[in-house]
Amino acid sequence: MDYFAYGMLLNKAQMLKICPNAKAKFQAVLPNYRLTFSGWSRELKSSTANIIPFRGERVNGGVWEISETDLQKLDRFEDYPVTYDHVNVLVLNDLEQATRALAYIKRRLAEFAKPSPEHLAIIRQGYRDWGITL
């Protein structure tokens, strides 16, 4: 199955710690969503990434091929179904071809907050890993 990563798990080293057998497929764009940061992670000491529907915006990310076992590992990591829920999205590759993918979205909207510099650095490395320029 395809999984769309947009936050910390865009970082290939972080993703492969959790799902060592996941395979990076292609960079993608999720149209009509916005990347936000909200809530608080004690472990990260930071707000965490989320996507919210937002007409005309887009979220850059990467698509991973994952197994059912990987999905279970990601569910534990993302605290599914307490903090995050699954959502099926249509993402576009660089040729504008649409692919269905699973993404995580926070179940409750929390107050927006700036991520810590350390957390942001992990995500920025993910952009570099995928060759995404903003």
N, C-alpha and C. Protein backbone atom coordinates (compact mmCIF):
# COMPACT_ATOMS: atom_id res chain seq x y z
N MET A 1 0.84 -1.17 0.00
CA MET A 1 0.00 0.00 0.00
C MET A 1 0.88 1.23 0.00
N ASP A 2 0.33 2.35 -0.48
CA ASP A 2 1.07 3.60 -0.54
C ASP A 2 0.72 4.47 0.66
N TYR A 3 1.75 5.07 1.25
CA TYR A 3 1.61 5.95 2.41
C TYR A 3 2.23 7.30 2.05
N PHE A 4 1.46 8.38 2.24
CA PHE A 4 1.94 9.73 1.97
C PHE A 4 2.51 10.33 3.26
N ALA A 5 3.79 10.61 3.25
CA ALA A 5 4.47 11.23 4.40
C ALA A 5 4.66 12.72 4.13
N TYR A 6 4.40 13.53 5.16
CA TYR A 6 4.52 14.99 5.00
C TYR A 6 5.26 15.64 6.15
N GLY A 7 5.52 14.94 7.20
CA GLY A 7 6.16 15.53 8.38
C GLY A 7 7.46 14.81 8.70
N MET A 8 7.58 14.41 9.94
CA MET A 8 8.80 13.78 10.42
C MET A 8 9.17 12.53 9.62
N LEU A 9 8.17 11.78 9.15
CA LEU A 9 8.46 10.52 8.45
C LEU A 9 8.76 10.73 6.98
N LEU A 10 8.81 11.98 6.55
CA LEU A 10 9.38 12.31 5.25
C LEU A 10 10.89 12.08 5.31
N ASN A 11 11.46 12.26 6.50
CA ASN A 11 12.88 12.04 6.74
C ASN A 11 13.16 10.54 6.61
N LYS A 12 13.97 10.18 5.64
CA LYS A 12 14.18 8.75 5.34
C LYS A 12 14.79 7.99 6.51
N ALA A 13 15.72 8.58 7.23
CA ALA A 13 16.33 7.89 8.37
C ALA A 13 15.27 7.64 9.45
N GLN A 14 14.42 8.62 9.71
CA GLN A 14 13.37 8.46 10.73
C GLN A 14 12.39 7.37 10.32
N MET A 15 11.96 7.40 9.05
CA MET A 15 10.99 6.41 8.57
C MET A 15 11.56 5.00 8.64
N LEU A 16 12.81 4.85 8.23
CA LEU A 16 13.40 3.51 8.18
C LEU A 16 13.72 2.96 9.57
N LYS A 17 13.79 3.82 10.59
CA LYS A 17 13.91 3.34 11.98
C LYS A 17 12.64 2.60 12.37
N ILE A 18 11.50 3.10 11.93
CA ILE A 18 10.21 2.52 12.29
C ILE A 18 9.84 1.39 11.35
N CYS A 19 10.07 1.60 10.07
CA CYS A 19 9.66 0.62 9.03
C CYS A 19 10.87 0.35 8.12
N PRO A 20 11.79 -0.51 8.55
CA PRO A 20 13.02 -0.72 7.78
C PRO A 20 12.80 -1.30 6.38
N ASN A 21 11.65 -1.90 6.14
CA ASN A 21 11.39 -2.49 4.83
C ASN A 21 10.59 -1.58 3.91
N ALA A 22 10.23 -0.39 4.37
CA ALA A 22 9.49 0.55 3.52
C ALA A 22 10.37 0.97 2.36
N LYS A 23 9.72 1.24 1.23
CA LYS A 23 10.47 1.65 0.05
C LYS A 23 9.97 3.03 -0.42
N ALA A 24 10.92 3.95 -0.55
CA ALA A 24 10.59 5.28 -1.06
C ALA A 24 10.22 5.14 -2.53
N LYS A 25 9.05 5.70 -2.91
CA LYS A 25 8.59 5.57 -4.30
C LYS A 25 8.79 6.85 -5.10
N PHE A 26 8.15 7.95 -4.67
CA PHE A 26 8.27 9.19 -5.43
C PHE A 26 7.82 10.36 -4.56
N GLN A 27 8.34 11.55 -4.92
CA GLN A 27 7.84 12.75 -4.24
C GLN A 27 6.46 13.07 -4.80
N ALA A 28 5.63 13.66 -3.96
CA ALA A 28 4.25 13.89 -4.35
C ALA A 28 3.74 15.20 -3.77
N VAL A 29 2.62 15.64 -4.32
CA VAL A 29 1.94 16.84 -3.85
C VAL A 29 0.51 16.44 -3.50
N LEU A 30 0.07 16.88 -2.34
CA LEU A 30 -1.32 16.69 -1.91
C LEU A 30 -2.05 18.01 -2.12
N PRO A 31 -2.90 18.09 -3.15
CA PRO A 31 -3.60 19.36 -3.40
C PRO A 31 -4.74 19.59 -2.42
N ASN A 32 -5.03 20.87 -2.22
CA ASN A 32 -6.15 21.32 -1.39
C ASN A 32 -6.04 20.93 0.08
N TYR A 33 -4.80 20.87 0.55
CA TYR A 33 -4.50 20.70 1.97
C TYR A 33 -3.41 21.68 2.34
N ARG A 34 -3.30 21.96 3.64
CA ARG A 34 -2.25 22.84 4.16
C ARG A 34 -1.52 22.10 5.27
N LEU A 35 -0.20 22.26 5.32
CA LEU A 35 0.61 21.71 6.41
C LEU A 35 0.53 22.66 7.59
N THR A 36 0.21 22.13 8.75
CA THR A 36 0.15 22.93 9.96
C THR A 36 0.91 22.21 11.07
N PHE A 37 1.11 22.91 12.16
CA PHE A 37 1.72 22.34 13.36
C PHE A 37 0.83 22.69 14.54
N SER A 38 0.51 21.69 15.34
CA SER A 38 -0.38 21.93 16.47
C SER A 38 -0.14 20.87 17.54
N GLY A 39 -0.81 21.08 18.68
CA GLY A 39 -0.68 20.12 19.77
C GLY A 39 0.72 20.15 20.37
N TRP A 40 1.04 19.09 21.11
CA TRP A 40 2.33 19.04 21.78
C TRP A 40 2.75 17.59 21.96
N SER A 41 3.99 17.30 21.64
CA SER A 41 4.58 15.99 21.87
C SER A 41 5.63 16.13 22.97
N ARG A 42 5.40 15.42 24.08
CA ARG A 42 6.40 15.46 25.16
C ARG A 42 7.71 14.86 24.69
N GLU A 43 7.60 13.79 23.90
CA GLU A 43 8.81 13.11 23.42
C GLU A 43 9.64 14.03 22.53
N LEU A 44 8.98 14.74 21.62
CA LEU A 44 9.70 15.63 20.70
C LEU A 44 9.94 17.02 21.29
N LYS A 45 9.20 17.35 22.36
CA LYS A 45 9.24 18.69 22.93
C LYS A 45 8.93 19.73 21.84
N SER A 46 7.83 19.43 21.11
CA SER A 46 7.47 20.26 19.97
C SER A 46 6.00 20.05 19.62
N SER A 47 5.44 21.02 18.92
CA SER A 47 4.16 20.76 18.27
C SER A 47 4.45 19.77 17.13
N THR A 48 3.41 19.15 16.60
CA THR A 48 3.62 18.13 15.58
C THR A 48 2.88 18.49 14.29
N ALA A 49 3.34 17.91 13.20
CA ALA A 49 2.79 18.21 11.88
C ALA A 49 1.41 17.60 11.72
N ASN A 50 0.61 18.29 10.92
CA ASN A 50 -0.73 17.83 10.58
C ASN A 50 -1.08 18.42 9.21
N ILE A 51 -2.07 17.83 8.57
CA ILE A 51 -2.61 18.39 7.34
C ILE A 51 -4.08 18.70 7.56
N ILE A 52 -4.51 19.82 7.01
CA ILE A 52 -5.92 20.19 7.10
C ILE A 52 -6.41 20.56 5.70
N PRO A 53 -7.65 20.22 5.38
CA PRO A 53 -8.17 20.62 4.08
C PRO A 53 -8.14 22.14 3.94
N PHE A 54 -7.67 22.61 2.79
CA PHE A 54 -7.57 24.05 2.56
C PHE A 54 -7.50 24.27 1.05
N ARG A 55 -8.58 24.73 0.50
CA ARG A 55 -8.70 24.90 -0.95
C ARG A 55 -7.59 25.81 -1.51
N GLY A 56 -6.96 25.34 -2.57
CA GLY A 56 -5.95 26.14 -3.25
C GLY A 56 -4.54 25.97 -2.70
N GLU A 57 -4.39 25.34 -1.54
CA GLU A 57 -3.06 25.10 -0.97
C GLU A 57 -2.57 23.72 -1.41
N ARG A 58 -1.35 23.39 -1.04
CA ARG A 58 -0.80 22.07 -1.35
C ARG A 58 0.27 21.70 -0.33
N VAL A 59 0.41 20.41 -0.13
CA VAL A 59 1.41 19.89 0.80
C VAL A 59 2.38 19.03 0.01
N ASN A 60 3.66 19.34 0.13
CA ASN A 60 4.70 18.52 -0.50
C ASN A 60 5.06 17.37 0.41
N GLY A 61 5.32 16.22 -0.18
CA GLY A 61 5.69 15.07 0.62
C GLY A 61 6.24 13.96 -0.24
N GLY A 62 6.28 12.77 0.33
CA GLY A 62 6.80 11.61 -0.37
C GLY A 62 5.89 10.42 -0.17
N VAL A 63 5.86 9.55 -1.15
CA VAL A 63 5.05 8.34 -1.06
C VAL A 63 5.98 7.14 -0.83
N TRP A 64 5.65 6.42 0.22
CA TRP A 64 6.35 5.19 0.60
C TRP A 64 5.47 4.00 0.27
N GLU A 65 6.08 2.92 -0.16
CA GLU A 65 5.37 1.64 -0.27
C GLU A 65 5.56 0.93 1.07
N ILE A 66 4.45 0.61 1.73
CA ILE A 66 4.53 -0.05 3.03
C ILE A 66 3.70 -1.33 3.03
N SER A 67 4.04 -2.21 3.95
CA SER A 67 3.31 -3.46 4.13
C SER A 67 2.27 -3.29 5.24
N GLU A 68 1.46 -4.30 5.43
CA GLU A 68 0.48 -4.29 6.52
C GLU A 68 1.21 -4.22 7.87
N THR A 69 2.34 -4.91 7.98
CA THR A 69 3.15 -4.85 9.21
C THR A 69 3.67 -3.43 9.45
N ASP A 70 4.12 -2.78 8.38
CA ASP A 70 4.58 -1.39 8.49
C ASP A 70 3.44 -0.49 8.96
N LEU A 71 2.25 -0.72 8.43
CA LEU A 71 1.09 0.09 8.82
C LEU A 71 0.83 -0.04 10.32
N GLN A 72 0.94 -1.24 10.84
CA GLN A 72 0.75 -1.45 12.28
C GLN A 72 1.80 -0.69 13.08
N LYS A 73 3.03 -0.68 12.60
CA LYS A 73 4.10 0.06 13.28
C LYS A 73 3.84 1.56 13.22
N LEU A 74 3.39 2.04 12.06
CA LEU A 74 3.07 3.46 11.93
C LEU A 74 1.90 3.85 12.81
N ASP A 75 0.91 2.96 12.90
CA ASP A 75 -0.24 3.22 13.77
C ASP A 75 0.21 3.43 15.21
N ARG A 76 1.13 2.61 15.68
CA ARG A 76 1.64 2.78 17.05
C ARG A 76 2.41 4.10 17.17
N PHE A 77 3.25 4.38 16.19
CA PHE A 77 4.05 5.60 16.22
C PHE A 77 3.17 6.85 16.21
N GLU A 78 2.11 6.84 15.40
CA GLU A 78 1.23 8.01 15.26
C GLU A 78 0.09 8.02 16.28
N ASP A 79 0.08 7.05 17.18
CA ASP A 79 -0.96 6.96 18.21
C ASP A 79 -2.35 6.88 17.59
N TYR A 80 -2.46 6.03 16.56
CA TYR A 80 -3.73 5.78 15.90
C TYR A 80 -4.52 4.80 16.75
N PRO A 81 -5.77 4.99 16.99
CA PRO A 81 -6.68 6.02 16.49
C PRO A 81 -6.95 7.13 17.51
N VAL A 82 -6.10 7.28 18.52
CA VAL A 82 -6.34 8.29 19.56
C VAL A 82 -5.99 9.69 19.06
N THR A 83 -4.76 9.88 18.59
CA THR A 83 -4.31 11.20 18.16
C THR A 83 -4.52 11.43 16.67
N TYR A 84 -4.13 10.45 15.87
CA TYR A 84 -4.25 10.56 14.41
C TYR A 84 -5.22 9.52 13.89
N ASP A 85 -5.82 9.83 12.76
CA ASP A 85 -6.72 8.91 12.06
C ASP A 85 -6.16 8.68 10.67
N HIS A 86 -6.63 7.63 10.03
CA HIS A 86 -6.27 7.37 8.63
C HIS A 86 -7.19 8.18 7.73
N VAL A 87 -6.64 8.66 6.65
CA VAL A 87 -7.44 9.30 5.61
C VAL A 87 -6.86 8.86 4.27
N ASN A 88 -7.75 8.53 3.35
CA ASN A 88 -7.30 8.20 1.99
C ASN A 88 -7.28 9.48 1.18
N VAL A 89 -6.14 9.74 0.53
CA VAL A 89 -5.97 10.96 -0.23
C VAL A 89 -5.52 10.63 -1.65
N LEU A 90 -5.71 11.59 -2.54
CA LEU A 90 -5.18 11.50 -3.91
C LEU A 90 -4.00 12.45 -3.98
N VAL A 91 -2.83 11.88 -4.24
CA VAL A 91 -1.62 12.70 -4.39
C VAL A 91 -1.20 12.68 -5.85
N LEU A 92 -0.45 13.70 -6.23
CA LEU A 92 0.01 13.83 -7.61
C LEU A 92 1.52 13.67 -7.67
N ASN A 93 1.99 12.88 -8.65
CA ASN A 93 3.44 12.77 -8.86
C ASN A 93 3.90 13.94 -9.73
N ASP A 94 5.17 13.94 -10.10
CA ASP A 94 5.70 15.07 -10.87
C ASP A 94 5.12 15.17 -12.29
N LEU A 95 4.45 14.12 -12.76
CA LEU A 95 3.77 14.15 -14.07
C LEU A 95 2.29 14.48 -13.92
N GLU A 96 1.90 14.87 -12.67
CA GLU A 96 0.51 15.21 -12.35
C GLU A 96 -0.43 14.00 -12.43
N GLN A 97 0.14 12.79 -12.33
CA GLN A 97 -0.68 11.58 -12.30
C GLN A 97 -1.12 11.34 -10.86
N ALA A 98 -2.39 11.01 -10.68
CA ALA A 98 -2.95 10.82 -9.34
C ALA A 98 -2.75 9.39 -8.86
N THR A 99 -2.44 9.28 -7.57
CA THR A 99 -2.28 7.99 -6.90
C THR A 99 -2.99 8.07 -5.56
N ARG A 100 -3.70 7.02 -5.20
CA ARG A 100 -4.33 6.94 -3.87
C ARG A 100 -3.27 6.55 -2.85
N ALA A 101 -3.33 7.20 -1.71
CA ALA A 101 -2.39 6.90 -0.64
C ALA A 101 -3.08 7.11 0.71
N LEU A 102 -2.56 6.46 1.70
CA LEU A 102 -3.02 6.65 3.07
C LEU A 102 -2.19 7.77 3.69
N ALA A 103 -2.82 8.62 4.46
CA ALA A 103 -2.10 9.65 5.22
C ALA A 103 -2.70 9.68 6.61
N TYR A 104 -1.99 10.29 7.53
CA TYR A 104 -2.48 10.48 8.90
C TYR A 104 -2.91 11.92 9.06
N ILE A 105 -4.04 12.11 9.74
CA ILE A 105 -4.55 13.44 10.02
C ILE A 105 -5.01 13.46 11.48
N LYS A 106 -4.73 14.56 12.17
CA LYS A 106 -5.12 14.63 13.59
C LYS A 106 -6.63 14.56 13.74
N ARG A 107 -7.06 13.84 14.75
CA ARG A 107 -8.49 13.66 14.99
C ARG A 107 -9.15 14.93 15.53
N ARG A 108 -8.40 15.72 16.28
CA ARG A 108 -8.95 16.95 16.85
C ARG A 108 -8.03 18.11 16.49
N LEU A 109 -8.66 19.19 16.12
CA LEU A 109 -7.86 20.38 15.85
C LEU A 109 -7.40 20.97 17.17
N ALA A 110 -6.14 21.23 17.25
CA ALA A 110 -5.56 21.86 18.44
C ALA A 110 -5.03 23.23 18.01
N GLU A 111 -4.70 24.03 18.99
CA GLU A 111 -4.16 25.35 18.70
C GLU A 111 -2.86 25.23 17.90
N PHE A 112 -2.76 26.06 16.86
CA PHE A 112 -1.54 26.04 16.05
C PHE A 112 -0.38 26.54 16.89
N ALA A 113 0.79 25.93 16.67
CA ALA A 113 1.98 26.31 17.43
C ALA A 113 3.21 26.07 16.56
N LYS A 114 4.25 26.85 16.79
CA LYS A 114 5.49 26.68 16.04
C LYS A 114 6.19 25.39 16.49
N PRO A 115 6.73 24.63 15.54
CA PRO A 115 7.51 23.45 15.92
C PRO A 115 8.87 23.88 16.47
N SER A 116 9.48 23.01 17.24
CA SER A 116 10.81 23.31 17.76
C SER A 116 11.81 23.32 16.60
N PRO A 117 12.91 24.04 16.75
CA PRO A 117 13.94 24.04 15.70
C PRO A 117 14.45 22.63 15.40
N GLU A 118 14.55 21.79 16.43
CA GLU A 118 15.04 20.42 16.24
C GLU A 118 14.06 19.60 15.41
N HIS A 119 12.78 19.74 15.71
CA HIS A 119 11.76 19.00 14.97
C HIS A 119 11.70 19.49 13.52
N LEU A 120 11.77 20.78 13.34
CA LEU A 120 11.77 21.36 12.00
C LEU A 120 12.99 20.89 11.20
N ALA A 121 14.13 20.74 11.86
CA ALA A 121 15.35 20.28 11.17
C ALA A 121 15.17 18.85 10.65
N ILE A 122 14.47 18.00 11.40
CA ILE A 122 14.20 16.63 10.95
C ILE A 122 13.34 16.66 9.69
N ILE A 123 12.33 17.51 9.69
CA ILE A 123 11.44 17.61 8.53
C ILE A 123 12.19 18.21 7.34
N ARG A 124 12.97 19.24 7.57
CA ARG A 124 13.75 19.85 6.47
C ARG A 124 14.71 18.84 5.85
N GLN A 125 15.30 17.98 6.68
CA GLN A 125 16.17 16.93 6.13
C GLN A 125 15.35 15.99 5.25
N GLY A 126 14.12 15.73 5.64
CA GLY A 126 13.23 14.92 4.80
C GLY A 126 13.00 15.55 3.44
N TYR A 127 12.81 16.85 3.39
CA TYR A 127 12.66 17.52 2.10
C TYR A 127 13.92 17.33 1.27
N ARG A 128 15.09 17.48 1.90
CA ARG A 128 16.34 17.27 1.16
C ARG A 128 16.44 15.81 0.68
N ASP A 129 16.06 14.86 1.55
CA ASP A 129 16.12 13.44 1.18
C ASP A 129 15.34 13.16 -0.10
N TRP A 130 14.21 13.82 -0.27
CA TRP A 130 13.34 13.58 -1.42
C TRP A 130 13.61 14.54 -2.58
N GLY A 131 14.54 15.48 -2.38
CA GLY A 131 14.84 16.45 -3.44
C GLY A 131 13.73 17.47 -3.63
N ILE A 132 13.01 17.75 -2.55
CA ILE A 132 11.89 18.70 -2.62
C ILE A 132 12.43 20.10 -2.30
N THR A 133 12.18 21.02 -3.20
CA THR A 133 12.54 22.42 -2.96
C THR A 133 11.25 23.20 -2.81
N LEU A 134 11.24 24.08 -1.85
CA LEU A 134 10.04 24.88 -1.58
C LEU A 134 10.20 26.29 -2.07
